[in-house]
PDB file of N, CA and C in Angstrom:
ATOM      1  N   MET A   1      -2.398  21.925 -11.242  1.00  0.00           N
ATOM      2  CA  MET A   1      -2.277  20.506 -11.573  1.00  0.00           C
ATOM      3  C   MET A   1      -1.740  19.747 -10.353  1.00  0.00           C
ATOM      4  N   LEU A   2      -2.243  18.585 -10.148  1.00  0.00           N
ATOM      5  CA  LEU A   2      -1.794  17.756  -9.029  1.00  0.00           C
ATOM      6  C   LEU A   2      -0.402  17.201  -9.290  1.00  0.00           C
ATOM      7  N   SER A   3       0.432  17.292  -8.285  1.00  0.00           N
ATOM      8  CA  SER A   3       1.775  16.728  -8.429  1.00  0.00           C
ATOM      9  C   SER A   3       1.806  15.266  -8.009  1.00  0.00           C
ATOM     10  N   GLN A   4       0.709  14.812  -7.410  1.00  0.00           N
ATOM     11  CA  GLN A   4       0.659  13.449  -6.888  1.00  0.00           C
ATOM     12  C   GLN A   4      -0.263  12.594  -7.755  1.00  0.00           C
ATOM     13  N   LYS A   5       0.162  11.411  -8.075  1.00  0.00           N
ATOM     14  CA  LYS A   5      -0.653  10.474  -8.837  1.00  0.00           C
ATOM     15  C   LYS A   5      -1.401   9.573  -7.870  1.00  0.00           C
ATOM     16  N   PHE A   6      -2.615   9.236  -8.200  1.00  0.00           N
ATOM     17  CA  PHE A   6      -3.441   8.396  -7.351  1.00  0.00           C
ATOM     18  C   PHE A   6      -3.662   7.035  -7.988  1.00  0.00           C
ATOM     19  N   LEU A   7      -3.947   6.055  -7.139  1.00  0.00           N
ATOM     20  CA  LEU A   7      -4.224   4.691  -7.581  1.00  0.00           C
ATOM     21  C   LEU A   7      -5.711   4.414  -7.448  1.00  0.00           C
ATOM     22  N   SER A   8      -6.238   3.615  -8.337  1.00  0.00           N
ATOM     23  CA  SER A   8      -7.634   3.183  -8.228  1.00  0.00           C
ATOM     24  C   SER A   8      -7.698   1.949  -7.321  1.00  0.00           C
ATOM     25  N   VAL A   9      -8.903   1.569  -6.958  1.00  0.00           N
ATOM     26  CA  VAL A   9      -9.096   0.348  -6.163  1.00  0.00           C
ATOM     27  C   VAL A   9      -8.521  -0.842  -6.922  1.00  0.00           C
ATOM     28  N   LYS A  10      -8.741  -0.895  -8.230  1.00  0.00           N
ATOM     29  CA  LYS A  10      -8.216  -2.001  -9.043  1.00  0.00           C
ATOM     30  C   LYS A  10      -6.686  -2.003  -9.034  1.00  0.00           C
ATOM     31  N   ASP A  11      -6.070  -0.827  -9.145  1.00  0.00           N
ATOM     32  CA  ASP A  11      -4.601  -0.737  -9.109  1.00  0.00           C
ATOM     33  C   ASP A  11      -4.053  -1.326  -7.812  1.00  0.00           C
ATOM     34  N   VAL A  12      -4.653  -0.931  -6.682  1.00  0.00           N
ATOM     35  CA  VAL A  12      -4.199  -1.418  -5.379  1.00  0.00           C
ATOM     36  C   VAL A  12      -4.410  -2.927  -5.274  1.00  0.00           C
ATOM     37  N   ALA A  13      -5.577  -3.401  -5.716  1.00  0.00           N
ATOM     38  CA  ALA A  13      -5.862  -4.833  -5.672  1.00  0.00           C
ATOM     39  C   ALA A  13      -4.841  -5.612  -6.507  1.00  0.00           C
ATOM     40  N   ASP A  14      -4.528  -5.104  -7.687  1.00  0.00           N
ATOM     41  CA  ASP A  14      -3.551  -5.776  -8.554  1.00  0.00           C
ATOM     42  C   ASP A  14      -2.151  -5.776  -7.930  1.00  0.00           C
ATOM     43  N   LEU A  15      -1.742  -4.641  -7.337  1.00  0.00           N
ATOM     44  CA  LEU A  15      -0.417  -4.569  -6.713  1.00  0.00           C
ATOM     45  C   LEU A  15      -0.271  -5.549  -5.565  1.00  0.00           C
ATOM     46  N   LEU A  16      -1.337  -5.683  -4.765  1.00  0.00           N
ATOM     47  CA  LEU A  16      -1.270  -6.526  -3.575  1.00  0.00           C
ATOM     48  C   LEU A  16      -1.764  -7.951  -3.809  1.00  0.00           C
ATOM     49  N   LYS A  17      -2.230  -8.224  -5.021  1.00  0.00           N
ATOM     50  CA  LYS A  17      -2.732  -9.569  -5.372  1.00  0.00           C
ATOM     51  C   LYS A  17      -3.895  -9.980  -4.459  1.00  0.00           C
ATOM     52  N   VAL A  18      -4.831  -9.038  -4.268  1.00  0.00           N
ATOM     53  CA  VAL A  18      -6.048  -9.296  -3.499  1.00  0.00           C
ATOM     54  C   VAL A  18      -7.236  -8.855  -4.348  1.00  0.00           C
ATOM     55  N   GLY A  19      -8.417  -9.181  -3.897  1.00  0.00           N
ATOM     56  CA  GLY A  19      -9.614  -8.774  -4.610  1.00  0.00           C
ATOM     57  C   GLY A  19      -9.960  -7.318  -4.351  1.00  0.00           C
ATOM     58  N   GLU A  20     -10.686  -6.735  -5.288  1.00  0.00           N
ATOM     59  CA  GLU A  20     -11.125  -5.352  -5.128  1.00  0.00           C
ATOM     60  C   GLU A  20     -12.034  -5.209  -3.905  1.00  0.00           C
ATOM     61  N   ALA A  21     -12.793  -6.247  -3.581  1.00  0.00           N
ATOM     62  CA  ALA A  21     -13.678  -6.205  -2.409  1.00  0.00           C
ATOM     63  C   ALA A  21     -12.870  -6.034  -1.128  1.00  0.00           C
ATOM     64  N   ALA A  22     -11.696  -6.649  -1.061  1.00  0.00           N
ATOM     65  CA  ALA A  22     -10.840  -6.507   0.126  1.00  0.00           C
ATOM     66  C   ALA A  22     -10.383  -5.058   0.268  1.00  0.00           C
ATOM     67  N   VAL A  23      -9.987  -4.445  -0.831  1.00  0.00           N
ATOM     68  CA  VAL A  23      -9.532  -3.049  -0.797  1.00  0.00           C
ATOM     69  C   VAL A  23     -10.681  -2.143  -0.368  1.00  0.00           C
ATOM     70  N   ARG A  24     -11.860  -2.363  -0.934  1.00  0.00           N
ATOM     71  CA  ARG A  24     -13.023  -1.551  -0.551  1.00  0.00           C
ATOM     72  C   ARG A  24     -13.373  -1.738   0.929  1.00  0.00           C
ATOM     73  N   SER A  25     -13.207  -2.932   1.434  1.00  0.00           N
ATOM     74  CA  SER A  25     -13.471  -3.202   2.848  1.00  0.00           C
ATOM     75  C   SER A  25     -12.492  -2.429   3.733  1.00  0.00           C
ATOM     76  N   TRP A  26     -11.213  -2.414   3.364  1.00  0.00           N
ATOM     77  CA  TRP A  26     -10.215  -1.663   4.123  1.00  0.00           C
ATOM     78  C   TRP A  26     -10.576  -0.180   4.148  1.00  0.00           C
ATOM     79  N   ILE A  27     -11.042   0.334   3.010  1.00  0.00           N
ATOM     80  CA  ILE A  27     -11.442   1.740   2.923  1.00  0.00           C
ATOM     81  C   ILE A  27     -12.664   1.977   3.810  1.00  0.00           C
ATOM     82  N   LYS A  28     -13.663   1.121   3.683  1.00  0.00           N
ATOM     83  CA  LYS A  28     -14.913   1.270   4.442  1.00  0.00           C
ATOM     84  C   LYS A  28     -14.663   1.274   5.948  1.00  0.00           C
ATOM     85  N   HIS A  29     -13.749   0.421   6.408  1.00  0.00           N
ATOM     86  CA  HIS A  29     -13.473   0.300   7.839  1.00  0.00           C
ATOM     87  C   HIS A  29     -12.426   1.296   8.338  1.00  0.00           C
ATOM     88  N   GLY A  30     -11.945   2.165   7.446  1.00  0.00           N
ATOM     89  CA  GLY A  30     -10.996   3.197   7.847  1.00  0.00           C
ATOM     90  C   GLY A  30      -9.558   2.731   7.957  1.00  0.00           C
ATOM     91  N   ASP A  31      -9.267   1.527   7.508  1.00  0.00           N
ATOM     92  CA  ASP A  31      -7.892   1.020   7.566  1.00  0.00           C
ATOM     93  C   ASP A  31      -7.013   1.635   6.478  1.00  0.00           C
ATOM     94  N   LEU A  32      -7.606   1.885   5.320  1.00  0.00           N
ATOM     95  CA  LEU A  32      -6.876   2.443   4.180  1.00  0.00           C
ATOM     96  C   LEU A  32      -7.509   3.783   3.826  1.00  0.00           C
ATOM     97  N   ARG A  33      -6.726   4.839   3.903  1.00  0.00           N
ATOM     98  CA  ARG A  33      -7.223   6.175   3.575  1.00  0.00           C
ATOM     99  C   ARG A  33      -7.419   6.280   2.066  1.00  0.00           C
ATOM    100  N   ALA A  34      -8.548   6.854   1.663  1.00  0.00           N
ATOM    101  CA  ALA A  34      -8.855   7.017   0.246  1.00  0.00           C
ATOM    102  C   ALA A  34      -9.681   8.282   0.058  1.00  0.00           C
ATOM    103  N   VAL A  35      -9.711   8.758  -1.167  1.00  0.00           N
ATOM    104  CA  VAL A  35     -10.462   9.949  -1.529  1.00  0.00           C
ATOM    105  C   VAL A  35     -11.631   9.520  -2.409  1.00  0.00           C
ATOM    106  N   ASP A  36     -12.826   9.982  -2.052  1.00  0.00           N
ATOM    107  CA  ASP A  36     -14.028   9.679  -2.823  1.00  0.00           C
ATOM    108  C   ASP A  36     -14.117  10.669  -3.977  1.00  0.00           C
ATOM    109  N   VAL A  37     -13.973  10.175  -5.193  1.00  0.00           N
ATOM    110  CA  VAL A  37     -14.048  11.013  -6.387  1.00  0.00           C
ATOM    111  C   VAL A  37     -15.232  10.517  -7.214  1.00  0.00           C
ATOM    112  N   GLY A  38     -16.374  11.167  -7.039  1.00  0.00           N
ATOM    113  CA  GLY A  38     -17.573  10.722  -7.728  1.00  0.00           C
ATOM    114  C   GLY A  38     -17.992   9.359  -7.212  1.00  0.00           C
ATOM    115  N   ARG A  39     -18.024   8.385  -8.095  1.00  0.00           N
ATOM    116  CA  ARG A  39     -18.409   7.024  -7.716  1.00  0.00           C
ATOM    117  C   ARG A  39     -17.201   6.112  -7.542  1.00  0.00           C
ATOM    118  N   GLU A  40     -16.029   6.685  -7.528  1.00  0.00           N
ATOM    119  CA  GLU A  40     -14.786   5.909  -7.440  1.00  0.00           C
ATOM    120  C   GLU A  40     -13.955   6.345  -6.239  1.00  0.00           C
ATOM    121  N   TRP A  41     -13.111   5.462  -5.765  1.00  0.00           N
ATOM    122  CA  TRP A  41     -12.137   5.764  -4.713  1.00  0.00           C
ATOM    123  C   TRP A  41     -10.773   5.898  -5.348  1.00  0.00           C
ATOM    124  N   ARG A  42      -9.969   6.820  -4.834  1.00  0.00           N
ATOM    125  CA  ARG A  42      -8.579   6.970  -5.259  1.00  0.00           C
ATOM    126  C   ARG A  42      -7.692   6.950  -4.021  1.00  0.00           C
ATOM    127  N   ILE A  43      -6.557   6.266  -4.144  1.00  0.00           N
ATOM    128  CA  ILE A  43      -5.640   6.084  -3.028  1.00  0.00           C
ATOM    129  C   ILE A  43      -4.291   6.695  -3.394  1.00  0.00           C
ATOM    130  N   ALA A  44      -3.783   7.542  -2.519  1.00  0.00           N
ATOM    131  CA  ALA A  44      -2.448   8.113  -2.719  1.00  0.00           C
ATOM    132  C   ALA A  44      -1.411   7.043  -2.398  1.00  0.00           C
ATOM    133  N   PRO A  45      -0.338   6.962  -3.178  1.00  0.00           N
ATOM    134  CA  PRO A  45       0.700   5.962  -2.896  1.00  0.00           C
ATOM    135  C   PRO A  45       1.229   6.032  -1.468  1.00  0.00           C
ATOM    136  N   ARG A  46       1.390   7.234  -0.919  1.00  0.00           N
ATOM    137  CA  ARG A  46       1.900   7.355   0.462  1.00  0.00           C
ATOM    138  C   ARG A  46       0.923   6.752   1.464  1.00  0.00           C
ATOM    139  N   ASP A  47      -0.403   6.832   1.169  1.00  0.00           N
ATOM    140  CA  ASP A  47      -1.392   6.234   2.066  1.00  0.00           C
ATOM    141  C   ASP A  47      -1.356   4.713   1.992  1.00  0.00           C
ATOM    142  N   LEU A  48      -1.094   4.178   0.808  1.00  0.00           N
ATOM    143  CA  LEU A  48      -0.954   2.730   0.684  1.00  0.00           C
ATOM    144  C   LEU A  48       0.307   2.258   1.402  1.00  0.00           C
ATOM    145  N   GLU A  49       1.402   3.008   1.260  1.00  0.00           N
ATOM    146  CA  GLU A  49       2.634   2.650   1.971  1.00  0.00           C
ATOM    147  C   GLU A  49       2.417   2.674   3.479  1.00  0.00           C
ATOM    148  N   SER A  50       1.696   3.669   3.960  1.00  0.00           N
ATOM    149  CA  SER A  50       1.394   3.771   5.393  1.00  0.00           C
ATOM    150  C   SER A  50       0.559   2.575   5.857  1.00  0.00           C
ATOM    151  N   PHE A  51      -0.441   2.209   5.065  1.00  0.00           N
ATOM    152  CA  PHE A  51      -1.283   1.045   5.365  1.00  0.00           C
ATOM    153  C   PHE A  51      -0.430  -0.214   5.474  1.00  0.00           C
ATOM    154  N   LEU A  52       0.472  -0.399   4.514  1.00  0.00           N
ATOM    155  CA  LEU A  52       1.319  -1.597   4.509  1.00  0.00           C
ATOM    156  C   LEU A  52       2.260  -1.611   5.714  1.00  0.00           C
ATOM    157  N   GLN A  53       2.801  -0.462   6.083  1.00  0.00           N
ATOM    158  CA  GLN A  53       3.688  -0.400   7.250  1.00  0.00           C
ATOM    159  C   GLN A  53       2.924  -0.735   8.533  1.00  0.00           C
ATOM    160  N   ARG A  54       1.690  -0.229   8.659  1.00  0.00           N
ATOM    161  CA  ARG A  54       0.888  -0.508   9.861  1.00  0.00           C
ATOM    162  C   ARG A  54       0.494  -1.969   9.961  1.00  0.00           C
ATOM    163  N   HIS A  55       0.418  -2.665   8.835  1.00  0.00           N
ATOM    164  CA  HIS A  55      -0.014  -4.062   8.844  1.00  0.00           C
ATOM    165  C   HIS A  55       1.148  -5.050   8.707  1.00  0.00           C
ATOM    166  N   ALA A  56       2.362  -4.539   8.784  1.00  0.00           N
ATOM    167  CA  ALA A  56       3.533  -5.424   8.716  1.00  0.00           C
ATOM    168  C   ALA A  56       3.668  -6.185  10.034  1.00  0.00           C
ATOM    169  N   ASN A  57       4.255  -7.365   9.968  1.00  0.00           N
ATOM    170  CA  ASN A  57       4.396  -8.189  11.176  1.00  0.00           C
ATOM    171  C   ASN A  57       5.616  -7.819  12.010  1.00  0.00           C
ATOM    172  N   ARG A  58       6.452  -6.911  11.512  1.00  0.00           N
ATOM    173  CA  ARG A  58       7.601  -6.438  12.290  1.00  0.00           C
ATOM    174  C   ARG A  58       8.055  -5.095  11.721  1.00  0.00           C
ATOM    175  N   PRO A  59       8.806  -4.336  12.493  1.00  0.00           N
ATOM    176  CA  PRO A  59       9.272  -3.037  11.994  1.00  0.00           C
ATOM    177  C   PRO A  59      10.259  -3.211  10.851  1.00  0.00           C
ATOM    178  N   PRO A  60      10.330  -2.252   9.938  1.00  0.00           N
ATOM    179  CA  PRO A  60      11.216  -2.400   8.780  1.00  0.00           C
ATOM    180  C   PRO A  60      12.694  -2.449   9.129  1.00  0.00           C
ATOM    181  N   ASP A  61      13.117  -1.828  10.242  1.00  0.00           N
ATOM    182  CA  ASP A  61      14.542  -1.860  10.578  1.00  0.00           C
ATOM    183  C   ASP A  61      14.926  -3.176  11.241  1.00  0.00           C
ATOM    184  N   ASP A  62      13.911  -3.970  11.638  1.00  0.00           N
ATOM    185  CA  ASP A  62      14.123  -5.318  12.158  1.00  0.00           C
ATOM    186  C   ASP A  62      15.038  -5.334  13.384  1.00  0.00           C
ATOM    187  N   THR A  63      14.915  -4.328  14.258  1.00  0.00           N
ATOM    188  CA  THR A  63      15.768  -4.260  15.447  1.00  0.00           C
ATOM    189  C   THR A  63      15.406  -5.308  16.493  1.00  0.00           C
ATOM    190  N   ASN A  64      14.228  -5.887  16.387  1.00  0.00           N
ATOM    191  CA  ASN A  64      13.782  -6.869  17.375  1.00  0.00           C
ATOM    192  C   ASN A  64      14.160  -8.305  17.006  1.00  0.00           C
ATOM    193  N   ARG A  65      14.901  -8.479  15.902  1.00  0.00           N
ATOM    194  CA  ARG A  65      15.267  -9.814  15.451  1.00  0.00           C
ATOM    195  C   ARG A  65      16.281 -10.435  16.409  1.00  0.00           C
ATOM    196  N   ARG A  66      16.046 -11.682  16.757  1.00  0.00           N
ATOM    197  CA  ARG A  66      16.986 -12.413  17.617  1.00  0.00           C
ATOM    198  C   ARG A  66      18.156 -12.933  16.795  1.00  0.00           C
ATOM    199  N   GLU A  67      19.271 -13.105  17.447  1.00  0.00           N
ATOM    200  CA  GLU A  67      20.453 -13.616  16.764  1.00  0.00           C
ATOM    201  C   GLU A  67      20.160 -14.997  16.191  1.00  0.00           C
ATOM    202  N   GLY A  68      20.565 -15.192  14.935  1.00  0.00           N
ATOM    203  CA  GLY A  68      20.362 -16.489  14.287  1.00  0.00           C
ATOM    204  C   GLY A  68      19.060 -16.585  13.509  1.00  0.00           C
ATOM    205  N   GLU A  69      18.123 -15.648  13.710  1.00  0.00           N
ATOM    206  CA  GLU A  69      16.873 -15.691  12.944  1.00  0.00           C
ATOM    207  C   GLU A  69      17.118 -15.138  11.550  1.00  0.00           C
ATOM    208  N   PRO A  70      16.407 -15.669  10.559  1.00  0.00           N
ATOM    209  CA  PRO A  70      16.569 -15.123   9.201  1.00  0.00           C
ATOM    210  C   PRO A  70      16.061 -13.691   9.165  1.00  0.00           C
ATOM    211  N   ASP A  71      16.694 -12.860   8.338  1.00  0.00           N
ATOM    212  CA  ASP A  71      16.309 -11.449   8.305  1.00  0.00           C
ATOM    213  C   ASP A  71      15.265 -11.136   7.251  1.00  0.00           C
ATOM    214  N   GLY A  72      14.887 -12.083   6.429  1.00  0.00           N
ATOM    215  CA  GLY A  72      13.854 -11.837   5.430  1.00  0.00           C
ATOM    216  C   GLY A  72      14.279 -10.833   4.374  1.00  0.00           C
ATOM    217  N   GLY A  73      15.545 -10.632   4.200  1.00  0.00           N
ATOM    218  CA  GLY A  73      16.028  -9.722   3.178  1.00  0.00           C
ATOM    219  C   GLY A  73      16.353  -8.346   3.712  1.00  0.00           C
ATOM    220  N   GLY A  74      15.694  -7.928   4.781  1.00  0.00           N
ATOM    221  CA  GLY A  74      15.997  -6.670   5.421  1.00  0.00           C
ATOM    222  C   GLY A  74      15.632  -5.415   4.652  1.00  0.00           C
ATOM    223  N   THR A  75      15.002  -5.536   3.506  1.00  0.00           N
ATOM    224  CA  THR A  75      14.645  -4.368   2.724  1.00  0.00           C
ATOM    225  C   THR A  75      13.176  -4.064   2.894  1.00  0.00           C
ATOM    226  N   PRO A  76      12.817  -2.881   3.392  1.00  0.00           N
ATOM    227  CA  PRO A  76      11.402  -2.549   3.538  1.00  0.00           C
ATOM    228  C   PRO A  76      10.737  -2.395   2.176  1.00  0.00           C
ATOM    229  N   PHE A  77       9.464  -2.668   2.126  1.00  0.00           N
ATOM    230  CA  PHE A  77       8.687  -2.556   0.899  1.00  0.00           C
ATOM    231  C   PHE A  77       8.582  -1.096   0.501  1.00  0.00           C
ATOM    232  N   ARG A  78       8.911  -0.770  -0.730  1.00  0.00           N
ATOM    233  CA  ARG A  78       8.765   0.592  -1.240  1.00  0.00           C
ATOM    234  C   ARG A  78       7.819   0.555  -2.420  1.00  0.00           C
ATOM    235  N   LEU A  79       6.641   1.088  -2.229  1.00  0.00           N
ATOM    236  CA  LEU A  79       5.620   1.072  -3.261  1.00  0.00           C
ATOM    237  C   LEU A  79       6.051   1.840  -4.494  1.00  0.00           C
ATOM    238  N   SER A  80       6.734   2.947  -4.331  1.00  0.00           N
ATOM    239  CA  SER A  80       7.069   3.800  -5.460  1.00  0.00           C
ATOM    240  C   SER A  80       7.869   3.051  -6.528  1.00  0.00           C
ATOM    241  N   ALA A  81       8.629   2.057  -6.136  1.00  0.00           N
ATOM    242  CA  ALA A  81       9.401   1.278  -7.103  1.00  0.00           C
ATOM    243  C   ALA A  81       8.527   0.259  -7.814  1.00  0.00           C
ATOM    244  N   GLU A  82       7.342  -0.002  -7.285  1.00  0.00           N
ATOM    245  CA  GLU A  82       6.485  -1.040  -7.838  1.00  0.00           C
ATOM    246  C   GLU A  82       5.426  -0.509  -8.805  1.00  0.00           C
ATOM    247  N   ILE A  83       5.240   0.804  -8.873  1.00  0.00           N
ATOM    248  CA  ILE A  83       4.187   1.381  -9.704  1.00  0.00           C
ATOM    249  C   ILE A  83       4.741   1.707 -11.084  1.00  0.00           C
ATOM    250  N   SER A  84       4.111   1.157 -12.094  1.00  0.00           N
ATOM    251  CA  SER A  84       4.519   1.472 -13.440  1.00  0.00           C
ATOM    252  C   SER A  84       3.959   2.832 -13.839  1.00  0.00           C
ATOM    253  N   PRO A  85       4.548   3.498 -14.803  1.00  0.00           N
ATOM    254  CA  PRO A  85       4.036   4.813 -15.233  1.00  0.00           C
ATOM    255  C   PRO A  85       2.570   4.755 -15.645  1.00  0.00           C
ATOM    256  N   LYS A  86       2.131   3.680 -16.255  1.00  0.00           N
ATOM    257  CA  LYS A  86       0.740   3.550 -16.677  1.00  0.00           C
ATOM    258  C   LYS A  86      -0.184   3.539 -15.469  1.00  0.00           C
ATOM    259  N   GLN A  87       0.196   2.885 -14.382  1.00  0.00           N
ATOM    260  CA  GLN A  87      -0.636   2.800 -13.182  1.00  0.00           C
ATOM    261  C   GLN A  87      -0.723   4.142 -12.468  1.00  0.00           C
ATOM    262  N   GLN A  88       0.232   5.025 -12.686  1.00  0.00           N
ATOM    263  CA  GLN A  88       0.231   6.306 -12.006  1.00  0.00           C
ATOM    264  C   GLN A  88      -0.741   7.293 -12.640  1.00  0.00           C
ATOM    265  N   GLU A  89      -1.201   7.043 -13.843  1.00  0.00           N
ATOM    266  CA  GLU A  89      -2.103   7.994 -14.526  1.00  0.00           C
ATOM    267  C   GLU A  89      -3.505   7.897 -14.030  1.00  0.00           C
TER     268      GLU A  89
END
């Protein structure tokens, strides 16, 4: 049995508030790693987290921030906290 739960294209689109076509485009162009399962794509949560980190506008530790600039909260995005149990199935 798999210990890892996968996300569908729709799950990823819903989490990121983008269209399914955008997610499929990222997969097609190799930006987002996915597994082809029959006629569907499945994305591992760690691969989505990696995609988001690569497309962030600054590093999560924010070491390059200048004094006086807002820190934007300073908390890196953690996908695992955002997935409901239903989405993991």
